C-alpha cells in the first residue's frame, strides 16, 4: 500500500475514534467531525483507486502502417 492509502486508512480510523469519543462524552461537534473524517477518508480512498486505475491503464497501440505484400 502506498502512503496515500495509509493516510486514508488513518483518516478512517481517526474518524471512527472521534465518533466514538463524541458519542461517549455527548459532544455532537466531535461526533460529527468523526463522521466527516470517516466519510472523507473513505471517499478519498475510492477516488485514489479510481484515479490510479485510469492513469495506469495502458493505451492500446495503433496497428503499424507496414506495407503488406500481395
N, C-alpha and C. Protein backbone atom coordinates (compact mmCIF):
# COMPACT_ATOMS: atom_id res chain seq x y z
N UNK A 1 0.84 -1.18 0.00
CA UNK A 1 0.00 0.00 0.00
C UNK A 1 0.89 1.25 0.00
N UNK A 2 0.42 2.26 -0.70
CA UNK A 2 1.19 3.48 -0.79
C UNK A 2 0.93 4.37 0.42
N UNK A 3 1.66 5.45 0.49
CA UNK A 3 1.49 6.38 1.61
C UNK A 3 0.11 7.02 1.60
N UNK A 4 -0.40 7.30 0.40
CA UNK A 4 -1.74 7.90 0.31
C UNK A 4 -2.80 6.94 0.84
N UNK A 5 -2.65 5.65 0.54
CA UNK A 5 -3.60 4.66 1.04
C UNK A 5 -3.55 4.59 2.56
N UNK A 6 -2.33 4.60 3.12
CA UNK A 6 -2.20 4.55 4.57
C UNK A 6 -2.77 5.81 5.22
N UNK A 7 -2.59 6.96 4.57
CA UNK A 7 -3.15 8.20 5.10
C UNK A 7 -4.68 8.13 5.13
N UNK A 8 -5.28 7.56 4.10
CA UNK A 8 -6.74 7.42 4.07
C UNK A 8 -7.22 6.44 5.14
N UNK A 9 -6.48 5.36 5.35
CA UNK A 9 -6.85 4.40 6.38
C UNK A 9 -6.75 5.04 7.76
N UNK A 10 -5.71 5.85 7.97
CA UNK A 10 -5.58 6.55 9.25
C UNK A 10 -6.73 7.52 9.46
N UNK A 11 -7.14 8.23 8.39
CA UNK A 11 -8.29 9.14 8.50
C UNK A 11 -9.56 8.39 8.86
N UNK A 12 -9.76 7.23 8.26
CA UNK A 12 -10.95 6.43 8.55
C UNK A 12 -10.94 5.98 10.00
N UNK A 13 -9.80 5.47 10.47
CA UNK A 13 -9.71 5.03 11.87
C UNK A 13 -9.85 6.19 12.84
N UNK A 14 -9.26 7.33 12.50
CA UNK A 14 -9.38 8.51 13.36
C UNK A 14 -10.83 8.99 13.40
N UNK A 15 -11.52 8.90 12.28
CA UNK A 15 -12.94 9.27 12.25
C UNK A 15 -13.78 8.37 13.14
N UNK A 16 -13.48 7.07 13.12
CA UNK A 16 -14.22 6.14 14.00
C UNK A 16 -13.96 6.47 15.46
N UNK A 17 -12.70 6.75 15.79
CA UNK A 17 -12.36 7.08 17.18
C UNK A 17 -13.04 8.37 17.62
N UNK A 18 -12.99 9.41 16.78
CA UNK A 18 -13.65 10.67 17.13
C UNK A 18 -15.15 10.49 17.28
N UNK A 19 -15.75 9.68 16.42
CA UNK A 19 -17.19 9.44 16.54
C UNK A 19 -17.52 8.77 17.87
N UNK A 20 -16.72 7.76 18.21
CA UNK A 20 -16.99 7.06 19.47
C UNK A 20 -16.73 7.94 20.69
N UNK A 21 -15.70 8.77 20.64
CA UNK A 21 -15.43 9.69 21.76
C UNK A 21 -16.54 10.72 21.85
N UNK A 22 -16.97 11.26 20.73
CA UNK A 22 -18.06 12.24 20.73
C UNK A 22 -19.36 11.65 21.25
N UNK A 23 -19.61 10.39 20.95
CA UNK A 23 -20.82 9.74 21.45
C UNK A 23 -20.71 9.46 22.95
N UNK A 24 -19.50 9.21 23.40
CA UNK A 24 -19.30 8.87 24.81
C UNK A 24 -19.41 10.10 25.71
N UNK A 25 -18.93 11.25 25.25
CA UNK A 25 -18.96 12.45 26.09
C UNK A 25 -20.12 13.38 25.72
N UNK A 26 -21.01 12.93 24.88
CA UNK A 26 -22.19 13.68 24.44
C UNK A 26 -21.82 15.02 23.82
N UNK A 27 -20.77 15.01 23.01
CA UNK A 27 -20.36 16.22 22.30
C UNK A 27 -20.62 15.99 20.82
N UNK A 28 -21.61 16.69 20.30
CA UNK A 28 -22.01 16.45 18.92
C UNK A 28 -20.97 16.94 17.92
N UNK A 29 -20.23 17.99 18.26
CA UNK A 29 -19.22 18.51 17.32
C UNK A 29 -18.14 17.46 17.05
N UNK A 30 -17.64 16.84 18.09
CA UNK A 30 -16.60 15.81 17.93
C UNK A 30 -17.17 14.61 17.18
N UNK A 31 -18.39 14.23 17.49
CA UNK A 31 -19.01 13.10 16.81
C UNK A 31 -19.19 13.34 15.32
N UNK A 32 -19.71 14.52 14.95
CA UNK A 32 -19.90 14.82 13.53
C UNK A 32 -18.57 15.00 12.82
N UNK A 33 -17.56 15.54 13.52
CA UNK A 33 -16.24 15.64 12.94
C UNK A 33 -15.70 14.25 12.61
N UNK A 34 -15.94 13.30 13.48
CA UNK A 34 -15.53 11.92 13.24
C UNK A 34 -16.25 11.31 12.06
N UNK A 35 -17.54 11.58 11.94
CA UNK A 35 -18.31 11.06 10.80
C UNK A 35 -17.76 11.63 9.50
N UNK A 36 -17.49 12.94 9.49
CA UNK A 36 -16.96 13.56 8.27
C UNK A 36 -15.56 13.05 7.93
N UNK A 37 -14.73 12.80 8.94
CA UNK A 37 -13.41 12.22 8.68
C UNK A 37 -13.54 10.82 8.09
N UNK A 38 -14.45 10.03 8.65
CA UNK A 38 -14.67 8.67 8.16
C UNK A 38 -15.13 8.69 6.70
N UNK A 39 -16.13 9.48 6.40
CA UNK A 39 -16.67 9.54 5.04
C UNK A 39 -15.63 10.13 4.09
N UNK A 40 -14.93 11.18 4.52
CA UNK A 40 -13.91 11.80 3.68
C UNK A 40 -12.76 10.85 3.38
N UNK A 41 -12.31 10.11 4.38
CA UNK A 41 -11.24 9.15 4.16
C UNK A 41 -11.67 8.04 3.21
N UNK A 42 -12.90 7.58 3.37
CA UNK A 42 -13.42 6.53 2.51
C UNK A 42 -13.54 7.01 1.07
N UNK A 43 -14.08 8.23 0.88
CA UNK A 43 -14.22 8.77 -0.48
C UNK A 43 -12.86 9.06 -1.11
N UNK A 44 -11.90 9.53 -0.31
CA UNK A 44 -10.56 9.77 -0.84
C UNK A 44 -9.91 8.46 -1.26
N UNK A 45 -10.11 7.39 -0.49
CA UNK A 45 -9.55 6.09 -0.83
C UNK A 45 -10.13 5.58 -2.14
N UNK A 46 -11.42 5.69 -2.30
CA UNK A 46 -12.07 5.27 -3.55
C UNK A 46 -11.59 6.14 -4.71
N UNK A 47 -11.50 7.45 -4.48
CA UNK A 47 -11.04 8.36 -5.53
C UNK A 47 -9.62 8.06 -5.97
N UNK A 48 -8.75 7.73 -5.02
CA UNK A 48 -7.37 7.40 -5.37
C UNK A 48 -7.29 6.10 -6.17
N UNK A 49 -8.10 5.10 -5.80
CA UNK A 49 -8.09 3.85 -6.56
C UNK A 49 -8.60 4.08 -7.99
N UNK A 50 -9.63 4.88 -8.15
CA UNK A 50 -10.15 5.16 -9.49
C UNK A 50 -9.13 5.96 -10.29
N UNK A 51 -8.52 6.96 -9.67
CA UNK A 51 -7.51 7.78 -10.36
C UNK A 51 -6.33 6.93 -10.81
N UNK A 52 -5.84 6.08 -9.93
CA UNK A 52 -4.69 5.24 -10.27
C UNK A 52 -5.03 4.23 -11.36
N UNK A 53 -6.25 3.71 -11.35
CA UNK A 53 -6.62 2.74 -12.39
C UNK A 53 -6.77 3.42 -13.75
N UNK A 54 -7.23 4.66 -13.77
CA UNK A 54 -7.38 5.38 -15.04
C UNK A 54 -6.01 5.80 -15.56
N UNK A 55 -5.14 6.29 -14.68
CA UNK A 55 -3.83 6.76 -15.10
C UNK A 55 -2.95 5.60 -15.56
N UNK A 56 -3.02 4.47 -14.87
CA UNK A 56 -2.14 3.35 -15.18
C UNK A 56 -2.66 2.46 -16.31
N UNK A 57 -3.82 2.78 -16.84
CA UNK A 57 -4.35 1.99 -17.95
C UNK A 57 -3.48 2.23 -19.18
N UNK A 58 -3.05 1.16 -19.77
CA UNK A 58 -2.19 1.29 -20.94
C UNK A 58 -3.03 1.59 -22.18
N UNK A 59 -2.54 2.51 -22.96
CA UNK A 59 -3.24 2.88 -24.19
C UNK A 59 -2.90 1.84 -25.25
N UNK A 60 -3.92 1.36 -25.92
CA UNK A 60 -3.69 0.38 -26.98
C UNK A 60 -2.99 1.06 -28.14
N UNK A 61 -1.98 0.39 -28.64
CA UNK A 61 -1.22 0.96 -29.74
C UNK A 61 -1.97 0.76 -31.05
N UNK A 62 -1.84 1.76 -31.91
CA UNK A 62 -2.46 1.65 -33.24
C UNK A 62 -1.66 0.65 -34.06
N UNK A 63 -2.32 -0.06 -34.94
CA UNK A 63 -1.56 -1.01 -35.79
C UNK A 63 -0.55 -0.26 -36.64
N UNK A 64 0.58 -0.90 -36.83
CA UNK A 64 1.64 -0.26 -37.62
C UNK A 64 1.23 -0.19 -39.09
N UNK A 65 1.77 0.82 -39.76
CA UNK A 65 1.42 1.03 -41.17
C UNK A 65 2.46 0.37 -42.08
N UNK A 66 2.73 -0.91 -41.85
CA UNK A 66 3.68 -1.61 -42.70
C UNK A 66 3.01 -2.00 -44.01
N UNK A 67 3.75 -1.89 -45.09
CA UNK A 67 3.15 -2.31 -46.37
C UNK A 67 2.94 -3.82 -46.39
N UNK A 68 1.81 -4.22 -46.92
CA UNK A 68 1.51 -5.65 -47.00
C UNK A 68 1.89 -6.17 -48.37
N UNK A 69 2.48 -7.33 -48.38
CA UNK A 69 2.84 -7.93 -49.66
C UNK A 69 1.63 -8.65 -50.24
N UNK A 70 1.47 -8.58 -51.57
CA UNK A 70 0.29 -9.25 -52.18
C UNK A 70 0.36 -10.73 -52.20
